PDB file of N, CA and C in Angstrom:
ATOM      1  N   LEU A   1     -20.173  27.459  17.655  1.00  0.00           N
ATOM      2  CA  LEU A   1     -18.948  27.510  16.873  1.00  0.00           C
ATOM      3  C   LEU A   1     -17.944  26.463  17.366  1.00  0.00           C
ATOM      4  N   GLN A   2     -17.833  26.289  18.668  1.00  0.00           N
ATOM      5  CA  GLN A   2     -16.934  25.276  19.230  1.00  0.00           C
ATOM      6  C   GLN A   2     -17.312  23.889  18.711  1.00  0.00           C
ATOM      7  N   TRP A   3     -18.608  23.584  18.689  1.00  0.00           N
ATOM      8  CA  TRP A   3     -19.070  22.293  18.206  1.00  0.00           C
ATOM      9  C   TRP A   3     -18.691  22.098  16.741  1.00  0.00           C
ATOM     10  N   TYR A   4     -18.845  23.126  15.928  1.00  0.00           N
ATOM     11  CA  TYR A   4     -18.530  23.054  14.504  1.00  0.00           C
ATOM     12  C   TYR A   4     -17.074  22.659  14.290  1.00  0.00           C
ATOM     13  N   PHE A   5     -16.153  23.320  14.969  1.00  0.00           N
ATOM     14  CA  PHE A   5     -14.734  23.018  14.785  1.00  0.00           C
ATOM     15  C   PHE A   5     -14.373  21.633  15.318  1.00  0.00           C
ATOM     16  N   SER A   6     -14.915  21.263  16.449  1.00  0.00           N
ATOM     17  CA  SER A   6     -14.577  19.953  16.999  1.00  0.00           C
ATOM     18  C   SER A   6     -15.169  18.833  16.150  1.00  0.00           C
ATOM     19  N   PHE A   7     -16.335  19.064  15.556  1.00  0.00           N
ATOM     20  CA  PHE A   7     -16.972  18.040  14.739  1.00  0.00           C
ATOM     21  C   PHE A   7     -16.332  17.931  13.356  1.00  0.00           C
ATOM     22  N   HIS A   8     -16.049  19.050  12.717  1.00  0.00           N
ATOM     23  CA  HIS A   8     -15.595  19.047  11.331  1.00  0.00           C
ATOM     24  C   HIS A   8     -14.084  18.925  11.153  1.00  0.00           C
ATOM     25  N   PHE A   9     -13.313  19.189  12.151  1.00  0.00           N
ATOM     26  CA  PHE A   9     -11.867  19.167  11.975  1.00  0.00           C
ATOM     27  C   PHE A   9     -11.165  18.108  12.817  1.00  0.00           C
ATOM     28  N   PHE A  10     -11.918  17.345  13.559  1.00  0.00           N
ATOM     29  CA  PHE A  10     -11.309  16.329  14.410  1.00  0.00           C
ATOM     30  C   PHE A  10     -11.017  15.077  13.594  1.00  0.00           C
ATOM     31  N   ARG A  11      -9.773  14.662  13.587  1.00  0.00           N
ATOM     32  CA  ARG A  11      -9.379  13.389  12.978  1.00  0.00           C
ATOM     33  C   ARG A  11      -8.689  12.597  14.081  1.00  0.00           C
ATOM     34  N   GLY A  12      -9.456  12.065  14.943  1.00  0.00           N
ATOM     35  CA  GLY A  12      -8.911  11.497  16.161  1.00  0.00           C
ATOM     36  C   GLY A  12      -8.423  10.077  16.036  1.00  0.00           C
ATOM     37  N   GLY A  13      -7.343   9.825  16.727  1.00  0.00           N
ATOM     38  CA  GLY A  13      -6.843   8.492  16.982  1.00  0.00           C
ATOM     39  C   GLY A  13      -6.364   7.699  15.794  1.00  0.00           C
ATOM     40  N   PHE A  14      -5.777   6.592  16.117  1.00  0.00           N
ATOM     41  CA  PHE A  14      -5.328   5.646  15.116  1.00  0.00           C
ATOM     42  C   PHE A  14      -5.240   4.286  15.774  1.00  0.00           C
ATOM     43  N   PHE A  15      -5.155   3.281  14.951  1.00  0.00           N
ATOM     44  CA  PHE A  15      -5.077   1.913  15.442  1.00  0.00           C
ATOM     45  C   PHE A  15      -3.884   1.246  14.787  1.00  0.00           C
ATOM     46  N   GLN A  16      -3.064   0.592  15.567  1.00  0.00           N
ATOM     47  CA  GLN A  16      -1.902  -0.101  15.027  1.00  0.00           C
ATOM     48  C   GLN A  16      -1.897  -1.539  15.515  1.00  0.00           C
ATOM     49  N   LEU A  17      -1.462  -2.419  14.647  1.00  0.00           N
ATOM     50  CA  LEU A  17      -1.327  -3.824  14.982  1.00  0.00           C
ATOM     51  C   LEU A  17       0.048  -4.274  14.519  1.00  0.00           C
ATOM     52  N   PHE A  18       0.832  -4.821  15.416  1.00  0.00           N
ATOM     53  CA  PHE A  18       2.167  -5.295  15.055  1.00  0.00           C
ATOM     54  C   PHE A  18       2.032  -6.621  14.314  1.00  0.00           C
ATOM     55  N   VAL A  19       2.724  -6.734  13.183  1.00  0.00           N
ATOM     56  CA  VAL A  19       2.680  -7.975  12.414  1.00  0.00           C
ATOM     57  C   VAL A  19       4.055  -8.638  12.450  1.00  0.00           C
ATOM     58  N   LYS A  20       4.076  -9.922  12.735  1.00  0.00           N
ATOM     59  CA  LYS A  20       5.338 -10.665  12.825  1.00  0.00           C
ATOM     60  C   LYS A  20       5.594 -11.410  11.519  1.00  0.00           C
ATOM     61  N   GLY A  21       6.870 -11.515  11.179  1.00  0.00           N
ATOM     62  CA  GLY A  21       7.250 -12.288  10.013  1.00  0.00           C
ATOM     63  C   GLY A  21       7.165 -11.538   8.699  1.00  0.00           C
ATOM     64  N   TYR A  22       6.893 -10.248   8.751  1.00  0.00           N
ATOM     65  CA  TYR A  22       6.790  -9.430   7.540  1.00  0.00           C
ATOM     66  C   TYR A  22       8.069  -8.625   7.356  1.00  0.00           C
ATOM     67  N   GLU A  23       8.403  -8.347   6.094  1.00  0.00           N
ATOM     68  CA  GLU A  23       9.560  -7.518   5.755  1.00  0.00           C
ATOM     69  C   GLU A  23       9.101  -6.410   4.820  1.00  0.00           C
ATOM     70  N   SER A  24       9.913  -5.379   4.688  1.00  0.00           N
ATOM     71  CA  SER A  24       9.557  -4.289   3.778  1.00  0.00           C
ATOM     72  C   SER A  24       9.539  -4.805   2.344  1.00  0.00           C
ATOM     73  N   ALA A  25       8.702  -4.197   1.527  1.00  0.00           N
ATOM     74  CA  ALA A  25       8.609  -4.591   0.125  1.00  0.00           C
ATOM     75  C   ALA A  25       9.951  -4.423  -0.576  1.00  0.00           C
ATOM     76  N   GLN A  26      10.695  -3.395  -0.219  1.00  0.00           N
ATOM     77  CA  GLN A  26      12.010  -3.163  -0.826  1.00  0.00           C
ATOM     78  C   GLN A  26      12.918  -4.382  -0.640  1.00  0.00           C
ATOM     79  N   THR A  27      12.946  -4.920   0.564  1.00  0.00           N
ATOM     80  CA  THR A  27      13.769  -6.093   0.869  1.00  0.00           C
ATOM     81  C   THR A  27      13.312  -7.308   0.074  1.00  0.00           C
ATOM     82  N   VAL A  28      12.010  -7.543   0.073  1.00  0.00           N
ATOM     83  CA  VAL A  28      11.469  -8.718  -0.610  1.00  0.00           C
ATOM     84  C   VAL A  28      11.621  -8.589  -2.122  1.00  0.00           C
ATOM     85  N   PHE A  29      11.318  -7.417  -2.681  1.00  0.00           N
ATOM     86  CA  PHE A  29      11.465  -7.218  -4.128  1.00  0.00           C
ATOM     87  C   PHE A  29      12.919  -7.410  -4.556  1.00  0.00           C
ATOM     88  N   SER A  30      13.860  -6.922  -3.760  1.00  0.00           N
ATOM     89  CA  SER A  30      15.282  -7.104  -4.076  1.00  0.00           C
ATOM     90  C   SER A  30      15.646  -8.584  -4.087  1.00  0.00           C
ATOM     91  N   ARG A  31      15.125  -9.318  -3.122  1.00  0.00           N
ATOM     92  CA  ARG A  31      15.390 -10.756  -3.050  1.00  0.00           C
ATOM     93  C   ARG A  31      14.796 -11.473  -4.266  1.00  0.00           C
ATOM     94  N   TRP A  32      13.566 -11.109  -4.634  1.00  0.00           N
ATOM     95  CA  TRP A  32      12.926 -11.722  -5.800  1.00  0.00           C
ATOM     96  C   TRP A  32      13.673 -11.385  -7.087  1.00  0.00           C
ATOM     97  N   ASP A  33      14.174 -10.155  -7.205  1.00  0.00           N
ATOM     98  CA  ASP A  33      14.932  -9.764  -8.399  1.00  0.00           C
ATOM     99  C   ASP A  33      16.260 -10.513  -8.479  1.00  0.00           C
ATOM    100  N   TYR A  34      16.867 -10.757  -7.332  1.00  0.00           N
ATOM    101  CA  TYR A  34      18.164 -11.445  -7.286  1.00  0.00           C
ATOM    102  C   TYR A  34      18.022 -12.930  -7.621  1.00  0.00           C
ATOM    103  N   ASP A  35      17.002 -13.573  -7.054  1.00  0.00           N
ATOM    104  CA  ASP A  35      16.799 -15.010  -7.263  1.00  0.00           C
ATOM    105  C   ASP A  35      15.366 -15.251  -7.733  1.00  0.00           C
ATOM    106  N   LYS A  36      15.199 -15.374  -9.023  1.00  0.00           N
ATOM    107  CA  LYS A  36      13.868 -15.529  -9.631  1.00  0.00           C
ATOM    108  C   LYS A  36      13.168 -16.813  -9.185  1.00  0.00           C
ATOM    109  N   SER A  37      13.921 -17.796  -8.724  1.00  0.00           N
ATOM    110  CA  SER A  37      13.318 -19.073  -8.328  1.00  0.00           C
ATOM    111  C   SER A  37      12.585 -18.993  -6.985  1.00  0.00           C
ATOM    112  N   LEU A  38      12.751 -17.911  -6.255  1.00  0.00           N
ATOM    113  CA  LEU A  38      12.097 -17.782  -4.943  1.00  0.00           C
ATOM    114  C   LEU A  38      10.585 -17.612  -5.050  1.00  0.00           C
ATOM    115  N   LEU A  39      10.125 -17.092  -6.173  1.00  0.00           N
ATOM    116  CA  LEU A  39       8.702 -16.801  -6.351  1.00  0.00           C
ATOM    117  C   LEU A  39       8.153 -17.697  -7.458  1.00  0.00           C
ATOM    118  N   SER A  40       7.357 -18.687  -7.071  1.00  0.00           N
ATOM    119  CA  SER A  40       6.772 -19.586  -8.070  1.00  0.00           C
ATOM    120  C   SER A  40       5.693 -18.840  -8.854  1.00  0.00           C
ATOM    121  N   GLU A  41       5.267 -19.431  -9.945  1.00  0.00           N
ATOM    122  CA  GLU A  41       4.222 -18.809 -10.766  1.00  0.00           C
ATOM    123  C   GLU A  41       2.920 -18.661  -9.977  1.00  0.00           C
ATOM    124  N   THR A  42       2.580 -19.672  -9.197  1.00  0.00           N
ATOM    125  CA  THR A  42       1.377 -19.623  -8.361  1.00  0.00           C
ATOM    126  C   THR A  42       1.489 -18.520  -7.314  1.00  0.00           C
ATOM    127  N   GLU A  43       2.659 -18.405  -6.690  1.00  0.00           N
ATOM    128  CA  GLU A  43       2.868 -17.357  -5.681  1.00  0.00           C
ATOM    129  C   GLU A  43       2.823 -15.971  -6.315  1.00  0.00           C
ATOM    130  N   GLU A  44       3.375 -15.849  -7.518  1.00  0.00           N
ATOM    131  CA  GLU A  44       3.328 -14.547  -8.188  1.00  0.00           C
ATOM    132  C   GLU A  44       1.898 -14.158  -8.530  1.00  0.00           C
ATOM    133  N   GLU A  45       1.083 -15.121  -8.946  1.00  0.00           N
ATOM    134  CA  GLU A  45      -0.336 -14.842  -9.215  1.00  0.00           C
ATOM    135  C   GLU A  45      -1.051 -14.420  -7.934  1.00  0.00           C
ATOM    136  N   ARG A  46      -0.753 -15.101  -6.839  1.00  0.00           N
ATOM    137  CA  ARG A  46      -1.357 -14.745  -5.542  1.00  0.00           C
ATOM    138  C   ARG A  46      -0.928 -13.340  -5.128  1.00  0.00           C
ATOM    139  N   PHE A  47       0.372 -13.039  -5.284  1.00  0.00           N
ATOM    140  CA  PHE A  47       0.865 -11.710  -4.936  1.00  0.00           C
ATOM    141  C   PHE A  47       0.211 -10.648  -5.811  1.00  0.00           C
ATOM    142  N   LYS A  48       0.115 -10.906  -7.102  1.00  0.00           N
ATOM    143  CA  LYS A  48      -0.511  -9.944  -8.019  1.00  0.00           C
ATOM    144  C   LYS A  48      -1.958  -9.674  -7.607  1.00  0.00           C
ATOM    145  N   TYR A  49      -2.687 -10.728  -7.245  1.00  0.00           N
ATOM    146  CA  TYR A  49      -4.066 -10.578  -6.791  1.00  0.00           C
ATOM    147  C   TYR A  49      -4.137  -9.699  -5.538  1.00  0.00           C
ATOM    148  N   LEU A  50      -3.302  -9.996  -4.547  1.00  0.00           N
ATOM    149  CA  LEU A  50      -3.298  -9.218  -3.302  1.00  0.00           C
ATOM    150  C   LEU A  50      -2.866  -7.777  -3.541  1.00  0.00           C
ATOM    151  N   PHE A  51      -1.851  -7.579  -4.376  1.00  0.00           N
ATOM    152  CA  PHE A  51      -1.340  -6.245  -4.677  1.00  0.00           C
ATOM    153  C   PHE A  51      -2.401  -5.409  -5.391  1.00  0.00           C
ATOM    154  N   GLN A  52      -3.048  -5.989  -6.397  1.00  0.00           N
ATOM    155  CA  GLN A  52      -4.063  -5.249  -7.137  1.00  0.00           C
ATOM    156  C   GLN A  52      -5.285  -4.952  -6.274  1.00  0.00           C
ATOM    157  N   LYS A  53      -5.613  -5.858  -5.377  1.00  0.00           N
ATOM    158  CA  LYS A  53      -6.704  -5.617  -4.426  1.00  0.00           C
ATOM    159  C   LYS A  53      -6.369  -4.426  -3.524  1.00  0.00           C
ATOM    160  N   MET A  54      -5.103  -4.369  -3.087  1.00  0.00           N
ATOM    161  CA  MET A  54      -4.660  -3.268  -2.236  1.00  0.00           C
ATOM    162  C   MET A  54      -4.701  -1.934  -2.979  1.00  0.00           C
ATOM    163  N   ILE A  55      -4.259  -1.903  -4.252  1.00  0.00           N
ATOM    164  CA  ILE A  55      -4.229  -0.621  -4.962  1.00  0.00           C
ATOM    165  C   ILE A  55      -5.629  -0.138  -5.322  1.00  0.00           C
ATOM    166  N   VAL A  56      -6.562  -1.057  -5.525  1.00  0.00           N
ATOM    167  CA  VAL A  56      -7.951  -0.639  -5.743  1.00  0.00           C
ATOM    168  C   VAL A  56      -8.479   0.025  -4.475  1.00  0.00           C
ATOM    169  N   LEU A  57      -8.223  -0.589  -3.331  1.00  0.00           N
ATOM    170  CA  LEU A  57      -8.645   0.015  -2.063  1.00  0.00           C
ATOM    171  C   LEU A  57      -7.969   1.365  -1.849  1.00  0.00           C
ATOM    172  N   ASP A  58      -6.661   1.446  -2.108  1.00  0.00           N
ATOM    173  CA  ASP A  58      -5.946   2.721  -1.968  1.00  0.00           C
ATOM    174  C   ASP A  58      -6.558   3.801  -2.851  1.00  0.00           C
ATOM    175  N   TYR A  59      -6.945   3.443  -4.059  1.00  0.00           N
ATOM    176  CA  TYR A  59      -7.552   4.428  -4.959  1.00  0.00           C
ATOM    177  C   TYR A  59      -8.907   4.880  -4.426  1.00  0.00           C
ATOM    178  N   ILE A  60      -9.698   3.943  -3.946  1.00  0.00           N
ATOM    179  CA  ILE A  60     -11.029   4.283  -3.431  1.00  0.00           C
ATOM    180  C   ILE A  60     -10.937   5.185  -2.207  1.00  0.00           C
ATOM    181  N   ILE A  61     -10.025   4.876  -1.283  1.00  0.00           N
ATOM    182  CA  ILE A  61      -9.903   5.692  -0.070  1.00  0.00           C
ATOM    183  C   ILE A  61      -8.944   6.859  -0.266  1.00  0.00           C
ATOM    184  N   ARG A  62      -8.418   6.981  -1.494  1.00  0.00           N
ATOM    185  CA  ARG A  62      -7.546   8.091  -1.899  1.00  0.00           C
ATOM    186  C   ARG A  62      -6.253   8.154  -1.085  1.00  0.00           C
ATOM    187  N   ASN A  63      -5.700   7.003  -0.810  1.00  0.00           N
ATOM    188  CA  ASN A  63      -4.423   6.949  -0.093  1.00  0.00           C
ATOM    189  C   ASN A  63      -3.291   7.157  -1.097  1.00  0.00           C
ATOM    190  N   THR A  64      -2.628   8.274  -1.016  1.00  0.00           N
ATOM    191  CA  THR A  64      -1.593   8.625  -1.995  1.00  0.00           C
ATOM    192  C   THR A  64      -0.182   8.333  -1.490  1.00  0.00           C
ATOM    193  N   ASP A  65      -0.073   7.633  -0.395  1.00  0.00           N
ATOM    194  CA  ASP A  65       1.244   7.429   0.211  1.00  0.00           C
ATOM    195  C   ASP A  65       1.676   5.965   0.220  1.00  0.00           C
ATOM    196  N   ARG A  66       1.223   5.183  -0.754  1.00  0.00           N
ATOM    197  CA  ARG A  66       1.622   3.778  -0.791  1.00  0.00           C
ATOM    198  C   ARG A  66       2.908   3.649  -1.601  1.00  0.00           C
ATOM    199  N   HIS A  67       3.962   3.252  -0.925  1.00  0.00           N
ATOM    200  CA  HIS A  67       5.251   3.011  -1.569  1.00  0.00           C
ATOM    201  C   HIS A  67       5.904   1.833  -0.859  1.00  0.00           C
ATOM    202  N   MET A  68       7.101   1.479  -1.252  1.00  0.00           N
ATOM    203  CA  MET A  68       7.730   0.260  -0.734  1.00  0.00           C
ATOM    204  C   MET A  68       8.059   0.320   0.750  1.00  0.00           C
ATOM    205  N   ASP A  69       8.106   1.497   1.333  1.00  0.00           N
ATOM    206  CA  ASP A  69       8.402   1.591   2.765  1.00  0.00           C
ATOM    207  C   ASP A  69       7.176   1.359   3.637  1.00  0.00           C
ATOM    208  N   ASN A  70       5.984   1.451   3.061  1.00  0.00           N
ATOM    209  CA  ASN A  70       4.804   1.191   3.877  1.00  0.00           C
ATOM    210  C   ASN A  70       3.936   0.066   3.307  1.00  0.00           C
ATOM    211  N   LEU A  71       4.623  -0.854   2.684  1.00  0.00           N
ATOM    212  CA  LEU A  71       4.015  -2.103   2.249  1.00  0.00           C
ATOM    213  C   LEU A  71       4.900  -3.226   2.782  1.00  0.00           C
ATOM    214  N   LEU A  72       4.328  -4.081   3.592  1.00  0.00           N
ATOM    215  CA  LEU A  72       5.074  -5.198   4.167  1.00  0.00           C
ATOM    216  C   LEU A  72       4.621  -6.497   3.513  1.00  0.00           C
ATOM    217  N   ILE A  73       5.569  -7.402   3.342  1.00  0.00           N
ATOM    218  CA  ILE A  73       5.279  -8.680   2.687  1.00  0.00           C
ATOM    219  C   ILE A  73       5.786  -9.817   3.565  1.00  0.00           C
ATOM    220  N   ARG A  74       4.964 -10.826   3.691  1.00  0.00           N
ATOM    221  CA  ARG A  74       5.376 -12.059   4.373  1.00  0.00           C
ATOM    222  C   ARG A  74       5.414 -13.140   3.309  1.00  0.00           C
ATOM    223  N   HIS A  75       6.608 -13.628   3.028  1.00  0.00           N
ATOM    224  CA  HIS A  75       6.762 -14.664   2.001  1.00  0.00           C
ATOM    225  C   HIS A  75       7.640 -15.789   2.517  1.00  0.00           C
ATOM    226  N   VAL A  76       7.040 -16.941   2.624  1.00  0.00           N
ATOM    227  CA  VAL A  76       7.768 -18.167   2.931  1.00  0.00           C
ATOM    228  C   VAL A  76       7.624 -19.020   1.672  1.00  0.00           C
ATOM    229  N   PRO A  77       8.697 -19.146   0.870  1.00  0.00           N
ATOM    230  CA  PRO A  77       8.594 -19.840  -0.414  1.00  0.00           C
ATOM    231  C   PRO A  77       7.928 -21.212  -0.304  1.00  0.00           C
ATOM    232  N   GLY A  78       6.932 -21.403  -1.159  1.00  0.00           N
ATOM    233  CA  GLY A  78       6.204 -22.664  -1.186  1.00  0.00           C
ATOM    234  C   GLY A  78       5.127 -22.802  -0.133  1.00  0.00           C
ATOM    235  N   LYS A  79       5.004 -21.812   0.750  1.00  0.00           N
ATOM    236  CA  LYS A  79       4.033 -21.935   1.837  1.00  0.00           C
ATOM    237  C   LYS A  79       3.037 -20.780   1.898  1.00  0.00           C
ATOM    238  N   VAL A  80       3.541 -19.545   2.058  1.00  0.00           N
ATOM    239  CA  VAL A  80       2.627 -18.422   2.285  1.00  0.00           C
ATOM    240  C   VAL A  80       3.156 -17.151   1.634  1.00  0.00           C
ATOM    241  N   ILE A  81       2.218 -16.332   1.175  1.00  0.00           N
ATOM    242  CA  ILE A  81       2.554 -14.986   0.723  1.00  0.00           C
ATOM    243  C   ILE A  81       1.384 -14.086   1.119  1.00  0.00           C
ATOM    244  N   GLU A  82       1.678 -13.061   1.892  1.00  0.00           N
ATOM    245  CA  GLU A  82       0.653 -12.138   2.389  1.00  0.00           C
ATOM    246  C   GLU A  82       1.186 -10.712   2.363  1.00  0.00           C
ATOM    247  N   LEU A  83       0.281  -9.752   2.311  1.00  0.00           N
ATOM    248  CA  LEU A  83       0.636  -8.328   2.335  1.00  0.00           C
ATOM    249  C   LEU A  83       0.071  -7.672   3.584  1.00  0.00           C
ATOM    250  N   ALA A  84       0.767  -6.659   4.055  1.00  0.00           N
ATOM    251  CA  ALA A  84       0.267  -5.808   5.136  1.00  0.00           C
ATOM    252  C   ALA A  84       0.520  -4.367   4.706  1.00  0.00           C
ATOM    253  N   ALA A  85      -0.551  -3.655   4.438  1.00  0.00           N
ATOM    254  CA  ALA A  85      -0.447  -2.252   4.039  1.00  0.00           C
ATOM    255  C   ALA A  85      -0.451  -1.402   5.305  1.00  0.00           C
ATOM    256  N   ILE A  86       0.636  -0.681   5.537  1.00  0.00           N
ATOM    257  CA  ILE A  86       0.748   0.138   6.746  1.00  0.00           C
ATOM    258  C   ILE A  86       0.791   1.613   6.364  1.00  0.00           C
ATOM    259  N   ASP A  87       0.660   2.483   7.337  1.00  0.00           N
ATOM    260  CA  ASP A  87       0.717   3.933   7.155  1.00  0.00           C
ATOM    261  C   ASP A  87      -0.327   4.418   6.159  1.00  0.00           C
ATOM    262  N   ASN A  88      -1.559   4.422   6.599  1.00  0.00           N
ATOM    263  CA  ASN A  88      -2.667   4.901   5.786  1.00  0.00           C
ATOM    264  C   ASN A  88      -3.086   6.307   6.202  1.00  0.00           C
ATOM    265  N   GLY A  89      -2.138   7.071   6.711  1.00  0.00           N
ATOM    266  CA  GLY A  89      -2.424   8.391   7.260  1.00  0.00           C
ATOM    267  C   GLY A  89      -2.917   9.421   6.262  1.00  0.00           C
ATOM    268  N   LEU A  90      -2.639   9.239   4.982  1.00  0.00           N
ATOM    269  CA  LEU A  90      -3.106  10.201   3.981  1.00  0.00           C
ATOM    270  C   LEU A  90      -4.419   9.777   3.328  1.00  0.00           C
ATOM    271  N   ALA A  91      -5.036   8.724   3.833  1.00  0.00           N
ATOM    272  CA  ALA A  91      -6.310   8.263   3.286  1.00  0.00           C
ATOM    273  C   ALA A  91      -7.433   9.230   3.671  1.00  0.00           C
ATOM    274  N   PHE A  92      -8.472   9.246   2.864  1.00  0.00           N
ATOM    275  CA  PHE A  92      -9.658  10.072   3.070  1.00  0.00           C
ATOM    276  C   PHE A  92      -9.346  11.566   3.179  1.00  0.00           C
ATOM    277  N   PRO A  93      -8.629  12.128   2.199  1.00  0.00           N
ATOM    278  CA  PRO A  93      -8.349  13.570   2.250  1.00  0.00           C
ATOM    279  C   PRO A  93      -9.609  14.384   1.964  1.00  0.00           C
ATOM    280  N   VAL A  94      -9.560  15.664   2.275  1.00  0.00           N
ATOM    281  CA  VAL A  94     -10.704  16.547   2.052  1.00  0.00           C
ATOM    282  C   VAL A  94     -10.943  16.742   0.558  1.00  0.00           C
ATOM    283  N   LYS A  95      -9.869  16.953  -0.206  1.00  0.00           N
ATOM    284  CA  LYS A  95      -9.978  17.093  -1.657  1.00  0.00           C
ATOM    285  C   LYS A  95      -9.339  15.880  -2.310  1.00  0.00           C
ATOM    286  N   HIS A  96      -9.823  15.532  -3.501  1.00  0.00           N
ATOM    287  CA  HIS A  96      -9.249  14.381  -4.197  1.00  0.00           C
ATOM    288  C   HIS A  96      -7.817  14.700  -4.600  1.00  0.00           C
ATOM    289  N   PRO A  97      -6.873  13.795  -4.352  1.00  0.00           N
ATOM    290  CA  PRO A  97      -5.456  14.073  -4.597  1.00  0.00           C
ATOM    291  C   PRO A  97      -5.111  14.353  -6.056  1.00  0.00           C
ATOM    292  N   GLU A  98      -5.920  13.867  -6.997  1.00  0.00           N
ATOM    293  CA  GLU A  98      -5.632  14.133  -8.400  1.00  0.00           C
ATOM    294  C   GLU A  98      -5.942  15.580  -8.767  1.00  0.00           C
ATOM    295  N   CYS A  99      -6.659  16.290  -7.926  1.00  0.00           N
ATOM    296  CA  CYS A  99      -7.062  17.660  -8.224  1.00  0.00           C
ATOM    297  C   CYS A  99      -6.367  18.695  -7.350  1.00  0.00           C
ATOM    298  N   VAL A 100      -5.594  18.266  -6.401  1.00  0.00           N
ATOM    299  CA  VAL A 100      -5.057  19.163  -5.390  1.00  0.00           C
ATOM    300  C   VAL A 100      -3.895  20.010  -5.872  1.00  0.00           C
ATOM    301  N   SER A 101      -2.940  19.429  -6.569  1.00  0.00           N
ATOM    302  CA  SER A 101      -1.714  20.153  -6.871  1.00  0.00           C
ATOM    303  C   SER A 101      -1.265  19.941  -8.304  1.00  0.00           C
ATOM    304  N   ARG A 102      -0.820  20.997  -8.918  1.00  0.00           N
ATOM    305  CA  ARG A 102      -0.280  20.860 -10.269  1.00  0.00           C
ATOM    306  C   ARG A 102       1.128  20.275 -10.231  1.00  0.00           C
ATOM    307  N   PHE A 103       1.767  20.266  -9.063  1.00  0.00           N
ATOM    308  CA  PHE A 103       3.114  19.714  -8.927  1.00  0.00           C
ATOM    309  C   PHE A 103       3.099  18.199  -8.748  1.00  0.00           C
ATOM    310  N   ARG A 104       2.002  17.688  -8.287  1.00  0.00           N
ATOM    311  CA  ARG A 104       1.864  16.245  -8.070  1.00  0.00           C
ATOM    312  C   ARG A 104       0.693  15.770  -8.925  1.00  0.00           C
ATOM    313  N   THR A 105       0.935  15.655 -10.219  1.00  0.00           N
ATOM    314  CA  THR A 105      -0.156  15.403 -11.153  1.00  0.00           C
ATOM    315  C   THR A 105      -0.769  14.017 -11.021  1.00  0.00           C
ATOM    316  N   PHE A 106       0.012  13.009 -10.724  1.00  0.00           N
ATOM    317  CA  PHE A 106      -0.539  11.675 -10.482  1.00  0.00           C
ATOM    318  C   PHE A 106       0.184  11.071  -9.292  1.00  0.00           C
ATOM    319  N   PRO A 107      -0.419  11.147  -8.122  1.00  0.00           N
ATOM    320  CA  PRO A 107       0.278  10.835  -6.874  1.00  0.00           C
ATOM    321  C   PRO A 107       0.401   9.356  -6.517  1.00  0.00           C
ATOM    322  N   PHE A 108      -0.207   8.472  -7.272  1.00  0.00           N
ATOM    323  CA  PHE A 108      -0.189   7.066  -6.881  1.00  0.00           C
ATOM    324  C   PHE A 108       1.100   6.400  -7.358  1.00  0.00           C
ATOM    325  N   ARG A 109       2.027   6.213  -6.439  1.00  0.00           N
ATOM    326  CA  ARG A 109       3.349   5.689  -6.790  1.00  0.00           C
ATOM    327  C   ARG A 109       3.354   4.211  -7.145  1.00  0.00           C
ATOM    328  N   TRP A 110       2.322   3.491  -6.758  1.00  0.00           N
ATOM    329  CA  TRP A 110       2.288   2.065  -7.056  1.00  0.00           C
ATOM    330  C   TRP A 110       2.137   1.782  -8.545  1.00  0.00           C
ATOM    331  N   THR A 111       1.820   2.786  -9.349  1.00  0.00           N
ATOM    332  CA  THR A 111       1.651   2.564 -10.789  1.00  0.00           C
ATOM    333  C   THR A 111       2.942   2.121 -11.464  1.00  0.00           C
ATOM    334  N   GLU A 112       4.075   2.394 -10.855  1.00  0.00           N
ATOM    335  CA  GLU A 112       5.356   2.025 -11.473  1.00  0.00           C
ATOM    336  C   GLU A 112       5.712   0.549 -11.287  1.00  0.00           C
ATOM    337  N   TYR A 113       5.018  -0.165 -10.419  1.00  0.00           N
ATOM    338  CA  TYR A 113       5.320  -1.574 -10.193  1.00  0.00           C
ATOM    339  C   TYR A 113       4.657  -2.427 -11.268  1.00  0.00           C
ATOM    340  N   ARG A 114       5.328  -3.463 -11.691  1.00  0.00           N
ATOM    341  CA  ARG A 114       4.827  -4.269 -12.809  1.00  0.00           C
ATOM    342  C   ARG A 114       3.496  -4.951 -12.504  1.00  0.00           C
ATOM    343  N   TRP A 115       3.222  -5.259 -11.244  1.00  0.00           N
ATOM    344  CA  TRP A 115       1.970  -5.931 -10.896  1.00  0.00           C
ATOM    345  C   TRP A 115       0.777  -4.998 -11.042  1.00  0.00           C
ATOM    346  N   ALA A 116       1.007  -3.703 -11.008  1.00  0.00           N
ATOM    347  CA  ALA A 116      -0.077  -2.740 -11.210  1.00  0.00           C
ATOM    348  C   ALA A 116      -0.391  -2.575 -12.689  1.00  0.00           C
ATOM    349  N   GLN A 117       0.538  -2.918 -13.538  1.00  0.00           N
ATOM    350  CA  GLN A 117       0.373  -2.713 -14.975  1.00  0.00           C
ATOM    351  C   GLN A 117      -0.142  -3.955 -15.694  1.00  0.00           C
ATOM    352  N   GLN A 118      -0.346  -5.034 -14.974  1.00  0.00           N
ATOM    353  CA  GLN A 118      -0.807  -6.280 -15.611  1.00  0.00           C
ATOM    354  C   GLN A 118      -2.309  -6.394 -15.575  1.00  0.00           C
TER     355      GLN A 118
END
């Protein structure tokens, strides 16, 4: 019985990597909304590709906690745009999140962002 509980209920450890030069999505999105010239068409296509790749992965691993506070963006206009998805603690739940609660009928918050709808 001890083996059963330790094997089936253990969700041990985590791994963290500090990323430099990244800001919260809220900060970056606000900046992009304020000054549309900061994000070129090529950069927006790159961001859309990275964002959609991230939400596909989130859906597959059933991570229901992706919002602007746990998505980091590194954007240097004209040079680089990268994403860092942090806080994946709700990934791989025992039950699928779409079936768990009648109060949270569709838990994926990233659906409200325009890049998810394109």
